[in-house]
Amino acid sequence: MNERNWGGKRKGAGRKKGEVEYQTFSVVLPKEEVELLRREAKGQKMTVSRFISKYLHLAEAVEIEKAGKEGVQEL
């Protein structure tokens, strides 16, 4: 019998779930634009996803949207 105890499923192993649920989203762009996007993101030491989110101010927009919905519910 194999006495080694590595590999396979283990309780508590693996990456823990975070507070944010992520979703994959595809975008079709010309090759030159993709290259530029990757280069700019790399230059700022960011992933392309973080770069897009930052420069489209998506986190701020979500917070504004949430605040608006909370204000409507209070009425």
PDB file of N, CA and C in Angstrom:
ATOM      1  N   MET A   1       0.843  -1.186   0.000  1.00  0.00           N
ATOM      2  CA  MET A   1       0.000   0.000   0.000  1.00  0.00           C
ATOM      3  C   MET A   1       0.888   1.250   0.000  1.00  0.00           C
ATOM      4  N   ASN A   2       0.425   2.278  -0.642  1.00  0.00           N
ATOM      5  CA  ASN A   2       1.167   3.531  -0.759  1.00  0.00           C
ATOM      6  C   ASN A   2       0.922   4.376   0.496  1.00  0.00           C
ATOM      7  N   GLU A   3       1.970   4.641   1.279  1.00  0.00           N
ATOM      8  CA  GLU A   3       1.853   5.402   2.522  1.00  0.00           C
ATOM      9  C   GLU A   3       2.042   6.901   2.334  1.00  0.00           C
ATOM     10  N   ARG A   4       2.340   7.328   1.124  1.00  0.00           N
ATOM     11  CA  ARG A   4       2.522   8.761   0.884  1.00  0.00           C
ATOM     12  C   ARG A   4       1.205   9.487   1.087  1.00  0.00           C
ATOM     13  N   ASN A   5       1.310  10.692   1.624  1.00  0.00           N
ATOM     14  CA  ASN A   5       0.095  11.450   1.928  1.00  0.00           C
ATOM     15  C   ASN A   5       0.128  12.809   1.235  1.00  0.00           C
ATOM     16  N   TRP A   6       0.245  12.799  -0.079  1.00  0.00           N
ATOM     17  CA  TRP A   6       0.176  14.071  -0.794  1.00  0.00           C
ATOM     18  C   TRP A   6      -0.678  13.908  -2.037  1.00  0.00           C
ATOM     19  N   GLY A   7      -1.174  15.031  -2.506  1.00  0.00           N
ATOM     20  CA  GLY A   7      -2.062  15.006  -3.664  1.00  0.00           C
ATOM     21  C   GLY A   7      -3.491  14.715  -3.242  1.00  0.00           C
ATOM     22  N   GLY A   8      -4.381  14.967  -4.127  1.00  0.00           N
ATOM     23  CA  GLY A   8      -5.785  14.679  -3.851  1.00  0.00           C
ATOM     24  C   GLY A   8      -6.465  15.761  -3.032  1.00  0.00           C
ATOM     25  N   LYS A   9      -7.705  15.527  -2.711  1.00  0.00           N
ATOM     26  CA  LYS A   9      -8.539  16.472  -1.994  1.00  0.00           C
ATOM     27  C   LYS A   9      -8.211  16.480  -0.499  1.00  0.00           C
ATOM     28  N   ARG A  10      -8.127  17.684   0.087  1.00  0.00           N
ATOM     29  CA  ARG A  10      -7.881  17.799   1.514  1.00  0.00           C
ATOM     30  C   ARG A  10      -8.763  18.905   2.076  1.00  0.00           C
ATOM     31  N   LYS A  11      -9.321  18.665   3.226  1.00  0.00           N
ATOM     32  CA  LYS A  11     -10.164  19.660   3.882  1.00  0.00           C
ATOM     33  C   LYS A  11      -9.353  20.923   4.156  1.00  0.00           C
ATOM     34  N   GLY A  12      -9.912  22.069   3.805  1.00  0.00           N
ATOM     35  CA  GLY A  12      -9.255  23.350   4.055  1.00  0.00           C
ATOM     36  C   GLY A  12      -8.210  23.740   3.019  1.00  0.00           C
ATOM     37  N   ALA A  13      -7.970  22.874   2.048  1.00  0.00           N
ATOM     38  CA  ALA A  13      -6.963  23.174   1.033  1.00  0.00           C
ATOM     39  C   ALA A  13      -7.568  24.060  -0.057  1.00  0.00           C
ATOM     40  N   GLY A  14      -6.726  24.741  -0.758  1.00  0.00           N
ATOM     41  CA  GLY A  14      -7.185  25.552  -1.889  1.00  0.00           C
ATOM     42  C   GLY A  14      -7.369  27.003  -1.530  1.00  0.00           C
ATOM     43  N   ARG A  15      -7.657  27.768  -2.555  1.00  0.00           N
ATOM     44  CA  ARG A  15      -7.828  29.206  -2.406  1.00  0.00           C
ATOM     45  C   ARG A  15      -9.143  29.516  -1.703  1.00  0.00           C
ATOM     46  N   LYS A  16      -9.112  30.439  -0.773  1.00  0.00           N
ATOM     47  CA  LYS A  16     -10.312  30.834  -0.039  1.00  0.00           C
ATOM     48  C   LYS A  16     -11.155  31.784  -0.889  1.00  0.00           C
ATOM     49  N   LYS A  17     -12.455  31.710  -0.728  1.00  0.00           N
ATOM     50  CA  LYS A  17     -13.350  32.614  -1.442  1.00  0.00           C
ATOM     51  C   LYS A  17     -13.199  34.017  -0.898  1.00  0.00           C
ATOM     52  N   GLY A  18     -13.176  34.963  -1.783  1.00  0.00           N
ATOM     53  CA  GLY A  18     -13.093  36.359  -1.378  1.00  0.00           C
ATOM     54  C   GLY A  18     -14.486  36.964  -1.300  1.00  0.00           C
ATOM     55  N   GLU A  19     -14.530  38.240  -1.010  1.00  0.00           N
ATOM     56  CA  GLU A  19     -15.809  38.939  -0.908  1.00  0.00           C
ATOM     57  C   GLU A  19     -16.383  39.293  -2.272  1.00  0.00           C
ATOM     58  N   VAL A  20     -15.508  39.418  -3.278  1.00  0.00           N
ATOM     59  CA  VAL A  20     -15.928  39.830  -4.611  1.00  0.00           C
ATOM     60  C   VAL A  20     -16.098  38.610  -5.498  1.00  0.00           C
ATOM     61  N   GLU A  21     -17.220  38.541  -6.179  1.00  0.00           N
ATOM     62  CA  GLU A  21     -17.456  37.468  -7.151  1.00  0.00           C
ATOM     63  C   GLU A  21     -17.049  37.993  -8.522  1.00  0.00           C
ATOM     64  N   TYR A  22     -16.136  37.285  -9.170  1.00  0.00           N
ATOM     65  CA  TYR A  22     -15.634  37.715 -10.467  1.00  0.00           C
ATOM     66  C   TYR A  22     -16.349  36.978 -11.593  1.00  0.00           C
ATOM     67  N   GLN A  23     -16.407  37.607 -12.748  1.00  0.00           N
ATOM     68  CA  GLN A  23     -17.026  37.027 -13.925  1.00  0.00           C
ATOM     69  C   GLN A  23     -16.159  37.337 -15.137  1.00  0.00           C
ATOM     70  N   THR A  24     -16.029  36.367 -16.019  1.00  0.00           N
ATOM     71  CA  THR A  24     -15.252  36.551 -17.236  1.00  0.00           C
ATOM     72  C   THR A  24     -16.084  37.304 -18.271  1.00  0.00           C
ATOM     73  N   PHE A  25     -15.420  38.202 -18.990  1.00  0.00           N
ATOM     74  CA  PHE A  25     -16.091  39.035 -19.981  1.00  0.00           C
ATOM     75  C   PHE A  25     -15.164  39.151 -21.182  1.00  0.00           C
ATOM     76  N   SER A  26     -15.653  38.841 -22.357  1.00  0.00           N
ATOM     77  CA  SER A  26     -14.821  38.891 -23.561  1.00  0.00           C
ATOM     78  C   SER A  26     -15.067  40.166 -24.347  1.00  0.00           C
ATOM     79  N   VAL A  27     -13.993  40.684 -24.922  1.00  0.00           N
ATOM     80  CA  VAL A  27     -14.066  41.879 -25.757  1.00  0.00           C
ATOM     81  C   VAL A  27     -13.274  41.601 -27.023  1.00  0.00           C
ATOM     82  N   VAL A  28     -13.795  42.023 -28.147  1.00  0.00           N
ATOM     83  CA  VAL A  28     -13.088  41.853 -29.414  1.00  0.00           C
ATOM     84  C   VAL A  28     -12.566  43.225 -29.842  1.00  0.00           C
ATOM     85  N   LEU A  29     -11.243  43.296 -30.004  1.00  0.00           N
ATOM     86  CA  LEU A  29     -10.584  44.540 -30.404  1.00  0.00           C
ATOM     87  C   LEU A  29      -9.587  44.240 -31.510  1.00  0.00           C
ATOM     88  N   PRO A  30      -9.242  45.255 -32.304  1.00  0.00           N
ATOM     89  CA  PRO A  30      -8.169  45.064 -33.279  1.00  0.00           C
ATOM     90  C   PRO A  30      -6.858  44.706 -32.568  1.00  0.00           C
ATOM     91  N   LYS A  31      -6.036  43.930 -33.232  1.00  0.00           N
ATOM     92  CA  LYS A  31      -4.781  43.445 -32.660  1.00  0.00           C
ATOM     93  C   LYS A  31      -3.928  44.578 -32.094  1.00  0.00           C
ATOM     94  N   GLU A  32      -3.834  45.686 -32.820  1.00  0.00           N
ATOM     95  CA  GLU A  32      -3.009  46.805 -32.384  1.00  0.00           C
ATOM     96  C   GLU A  32      -3.528  47.396 -31.073  1.00  0.00           C
ATOM     97  N   GLU A  33      -4.846  47.444 -30.909  1.00  0.00           N
ATOM     98  CA  GLU A  33      -5.427  47.979 -29.681  1.00  0.00           C
ATOM     99  C   GLU A  33      -5.171  47.045 -28.506  1.00  0.00           C
ATOM    100  N   VAL A  34      -5.245  45.753 -28.744  1.00  0.00           N
ATOM    101  CA  VAL A  34      -4.964  44.777 -27.691  1.00  0.00           C
ATOM    102  C   VAL A  34      -3.512  44.901 -27.246  1.00  0.00           C
ATOM    103  N   GLU A  35      -2.609  45.004 -28.205  1.00  0.00           N
ATOM    104  CA  GLU A  35      -1.186  45.155 -27.879  1.00  0.00           C
ATOM    105  C   GLU A  35      -0.945  46.418 -27.061  1.00  0.00           C
ATOM    106  N   LEU A  36      -1.574  47.518 -27.454  1.00  0.00           N
ATOM    107  CA  LEU A  36      -1.438  48.776 -26.723  1.00  0.00           C
ATOM    108  C   LEU A  36      -2.000  48.642 -25.306  1.00  0.00           C
ATOM    109  N   LEU A  37      -3.155  48.051 -25.183  1.00  0.00           N
ATOM    110  CA  LEU A  37      -3.789  47.859 -23.886  1.00  0.00           C
ATOM    111  C   LEU A  37      -2.900  47.035 -22.959  1.00  0.00           C
ATOM    112  N   ARG A  38      -2.366  45.950 -23.464  1.00  0.00           N
ATOM    113  CA  ARG A  38      -1.468  45.099 -22.662  1.00  0.00           C
ATOM    114  C   ARG A  38      -0.205  45.843 -22.262  1.00  0.00           C
ATOM    115  N   ARG A  39       0.353  46.587 -23.192  1.00  0.00           N
ATOM    116  CA  ARG A  39       1.582  47.332 -22.925  1.00  0.00           C
ATOM    117  C   ARG A  39       1.354  48.408 -21.857  1.00  0.00           C
ATOM    118  N   GLU A  40       0.260  49.132 -21.978  1.00  0.00           N
ATOM    119  CA  GLU A  40      -0.050  50.184 -21.009  1.00  0.00           C
ATOM    120  C   GLU A  40      -0.320  49.602 -19.626  1.00  0.00           C
ATOM    121  N   ALA A  41      -1.053  48.515 -19.572  1.00  0.00           N
ATOM    122  CA  ALA A  41      -1.333  47.864 -18.284  1.00  0.00           C
ATOM    123  C   ALA A  41      -0.039  47.378 -17.648  1.00  0.00           C
ATOM    124  N   LYS A  42       0.805  46.751 -18.444  1.00  0.00           N
ATOM    125  CA  LYS A  42       2.082  46.256 -17.937  1.00  0.00           C
ATOM    126  C   LYS A  42       2.950  47.405 -17.437  1.00  0.00           C
ATOM    127  N   GLY A  43       2.934  48.522 -18.160  1.00  0.00           N
ATOM    128  CA  GLY A  43       3.704  49.692 -17.757  1.00  0.00           C
ATOM    129  C   GLY A  43       3.276  50.240 -16.405  1.00  0.00           C
ATOM    130  N   GLN A  44       2.031  50.016 -16.044  1.00  0.00           N
ATOM    131  CA  GLN A  44       1.532  50.465 -14.740  1.00  0.00           C
ATOM    132  C   GLN A  44       1.475  49.326 -13.728  1.00  0.00           C
ATOM    133  N   LYS A  45       2.081  48.191 -14.102  1.00  0.00           N
ATOM    134  CA  LYS A  45       2.138  47.006 -13.236  1.00  0.00           C
ATOM    135  C   LYS A  45       0.745  46.568 -12.790  1.00  0.00           C
ATOM    136  N   MET A  46      -0.166  46.491 -13.777  1.00  0.00           N
ATOM    137  CA  MET A  46      -1.542  46.082 -13.520  1.00  0.00           C
ATOM    138  C   MET A  46      -1.919  44.981 -14.492  1.00  0.00           C
ATOM    139  N   THR A  47      -2.938  44.224 -14.125  1.00  0.00           N
ATOM    140  CA  THR A  47      -3.518  43.307 -15.104  1.00  0.00           C
ATOM    141  C   THR A  47      -4.345  44.150 -16.069  1.00  0.00           C
ATOM    142  N   VAL A  48      -4.651  43.604 -17.210  1.00  0.00           N
ATOM    143  CA  VAL A  48      -5.493  44.324 -18.175  1.00  0.00           C
ATOM    144  C   VAL A  48      -6.864  44.589 -17.556  1.00  0.00           C
ATOM    145  N   SER A  49      -7.388  43.629 -16.818  1.00  0.00           N
ATOM    146  CA  SER A  49      -8.698  43.809 -16.176  1.00  0.00           C
ATOM    147  C   SER A  49      -8.689  44.989 -15.212  1.00  0.00           C
ATOM    148  N   ARG A  50      -7.678  45.062 -14.352  1.00  0.00           N
ATOM    149  CA  ARG A  50      -7.582  46.169 -13.394  1.00  0.00           C
ATOM    150  C   ARG A  50      -7.398  47.505 -14.110  1.00  0.00           C
ATOM    151  N   PHE A  51      -6.599  47.499 -15.173  1.00  0.00           N
ATOM    152  CA  PHE A  51      -6.356  48.708 -15.958  1.00  0.00           C
ATOM    153  C   PHE A  51      -7.670  49.241 -16.529  1.00  0.00           C
ATOM    154  N   ILE A  52      -8.445  48.363 -17.147  1.00  0.00           N
ATOM    155  CA  ILE A  52      -9.726  48.762 -17.733  1.00  0.00           C
ATOM    156  C   ILE A  52     -10.657  49.291 -16.650  1.00  0.00           C
ATOM    157  N   SER A  53     -10.757  48.564 -15.545  1.00  0.00           N
ATOM    158  CA  SER A  53     -11.631  48.968 -14.449  1.00  0.00           C
ATOM    159  C   SER A  53     -11.247  50.341 -13.910  1.00  0.00           C
ATOM    160  N   LYS A  54      -9.945  50.550 -13.729  1.00  0.00           N
ATOM    161  CA  LYS A  54      -9.470  51.827 -13.187  1.00  0.00           C
ATOM    162  C   LYS A  54      -9.806  52.987 -14.117  1.00  0.00           C
ATOM    163  N   TYR A  55      -9.495  52.836 -15.393  1.00  0.00           N
ATOM    164  CA  TYR A  55      -9.656  53.960 -16.311  1.00  0.00           C
ATOM    165  C   TYR A  55     -11.075  54.170 -16.805  1.00  0.00           C
ATOM    166  N   LEU A  56     -11.942  53.204 -16.584  1.00  0.00           N
ATOM    167  CA  LEU A  56     -13.365  53.417 -16.864  1.00  0.00           C
ATOM    168  C   LEU A  56     -14.122  53.774 -15.586  1.00  0.00           C
ATOM    169  N   HIS A  57     -13.390  53.857 -14.467  1.00  0.00           N
ATOM    170  CA  HIS A  57     -13.959  54.223 -13.164  1.00  0.00           C
ATOM    171  C   HIS A  57     -15.133  53.313 -12.802  1.00  0.00           C
ATOM    172  N   LEU A  58     -14.984  52.032 -13.057  1.00  0.00           N
ATOM    173  CA  LEU A  58     -16.080  51.090 -12.843  1.00  0.00           C
ATOM    174  C   LEU A  58     -16.420  50.900 -11.365  1.00  0.00           C
ATOM    175  N   ALA A  59     -15.425  50.829 -10.496  1.00  0.00           N
ATOM    176  CA  ALA A  59     -15.695  50.655  -9.064  1.00  0.00           C
ATOM    177  C   ALA A  59     -16.505  51.837  -8.522  1.00  0.00           C
ATOM    178  N   GLU A  60     -16.124  53.037  -8.932  1.00  0.00           N
ATOM    179  CA  GLU A  60     -16.849  54.224  -8.487  1.00  0.00           C
ATOM    180  C   GLU A  60     -18.279  54.220  -9.021  1.00  0.00           C
ATOM    181  N   ALA A  61     -18.449  53.816 -10.268  1.00  0.00           N
ATOM    182  CA  ALA A  61     -19.787  53.774 -10.873  1.00  0.00           C
ATOM    183  C   ALA A  61     -20.685  52.779 -10.144  1.00  0.00           C
ATOM    184  N   VAL A  62     -20.125  51.638  -9.747  1.00  0.00           N
ATOM    185  CA  VAL A  62     -20.904  50.635  -9.010  1.00  0.00           C
ATOM    186  C   VAL A  62     -21.333  51.198  -7.658  1.00  0.00           C
ATOM    187  N   GLU A  63     -20.421  51.889  -6.971  1.00  0.00           N
ATOM    188  CA  GLU A  63     -20.759  52.481  -5.674  1.00  0.00           C
ATOM    189  C   GLU A  63     -21.858  53.534  -5.812  1.00  0.00           C
ATOM    190  N   ILE A  64     -21.784  54.354  -6.844  1.00  0.00           N
ATOM    191  CA  ILE A  64     -22.805  55.375  -7.082  1.00  0.00           C
ATOM    192  C   ILE A  64     -24.147  54.708  -7.354  1.00  0.00           C
ATOM    193  N   GLU A  65     -24.112  53.651  -8.156  1.00  0.00           N
ATOM    194  CA  GLU A  65     -25.338  52.921  -8.471  1.00  0.00           C
ATOM    195  C   GLU A  65     -25.947  52.296  -7.214  1.00  0.00           C
ATOM    196  N   LYS A  66     -25.099  51.701  -6.370  1.00  0.00           N
ATOM    197  CA  LYS A  66     -25.586  51.099  -5.117  1.00  0.00           C
ATOM    198  C   LYS A  66     -26.205  52.167  -4.219  1.00  0.00           C
ATOM    199  N   ALA A  67     -25.555  53.316  -4.107  1.00  0.00           N
ATOM    200  CA  ALA A  67     -26.062  54.395  -3.265  1.00  0.00           C
ATOM    201  C   ALA A  67     -27.411  54.881  -3.777  1.00  0.00           C
ATOM    202  N   GLY A  68     -27.550  54.953  -5.082  1.00  0.00           N
ATOM    203  CA  GLY A  68     -28.824  55.373  -5.672  1.00  0.00           C
ATOM    204  C   GLY A  68     -29.948  54.390  -5.374  1.00  0.00           C
ATOM    205  N   LYS A  69     -29.650  53.107  -5.450  1.00  0.00           N
ATOM    206  CA  LYS A  69     -30.662  52.078  -5.165  1.00  0.00           C
ATOM    207  C   LYS A  69     -31.049  52.091  -3.694  1.00  0.00           C
ATOM    208  N   GLU A  70     -30.080  52.313  -2.803  1.00  0.00           N
ATOM    209  CA  GLU A  70     -30.380  52.373  -1.373  1.00  0.00           C
ATOM    210  C   GLU A  70     -31.258  53.567  -1.069  1.00  0.00           C
ATOM    211  N   GLY A  71     -31.010  54.697  -1.727  1.00  0.00           N
ATOM    212  CA  GLY A  71     -31.815  55.897  -1.520  1.00  0.00           C
ATOM    213  C   GLY A  71     -33.246  55.687  -1.969  1.00  0.00           C
ATOM    214  N   VAL A  72     -33.457  54.944  -3.047  1.00  0.00           N
ATOM    215  CA  VAL A  72     -34.800  54.669  -3.568  1.00  0.00           C
ATOM    216  C   VAL A  72     -35.547  53.766  -2.596  1.00  0.00           C
ATOM    217  N   GLN A  73     -34.860  52.787  -2.005  1.00  0.00           N
ATOM    218  CA  GLN A  73     -35.507  51.842  -1.085  1.00  0.00           C
ATOM    219  C   GLN A  73     -35.972  52.537   0.196  1.00  0.00           C
ATOM    220  N   GLU A  74     -35.296  53.595   0.584  1.00  0.00           N
ATOM    221  CA  GLU A  74     -35.644  54.294   1.818  1.00  0.00           C
ATOM    222  C   GLU A  74     -36.939  55.078   1.677  1.00  0.00           C
ATOM    223  N   LEU A  75     -37.340  55.421   0.452  1.00  0.00           N
ATOM    224  CA  LEU A  75     -38.549  56.236   0.251  1.00  0.00           C
ATOM    225  C   LEU A  75     -39.801  55.520   0.579  1.00  0.00           C
TER     226      LEU A  75
END
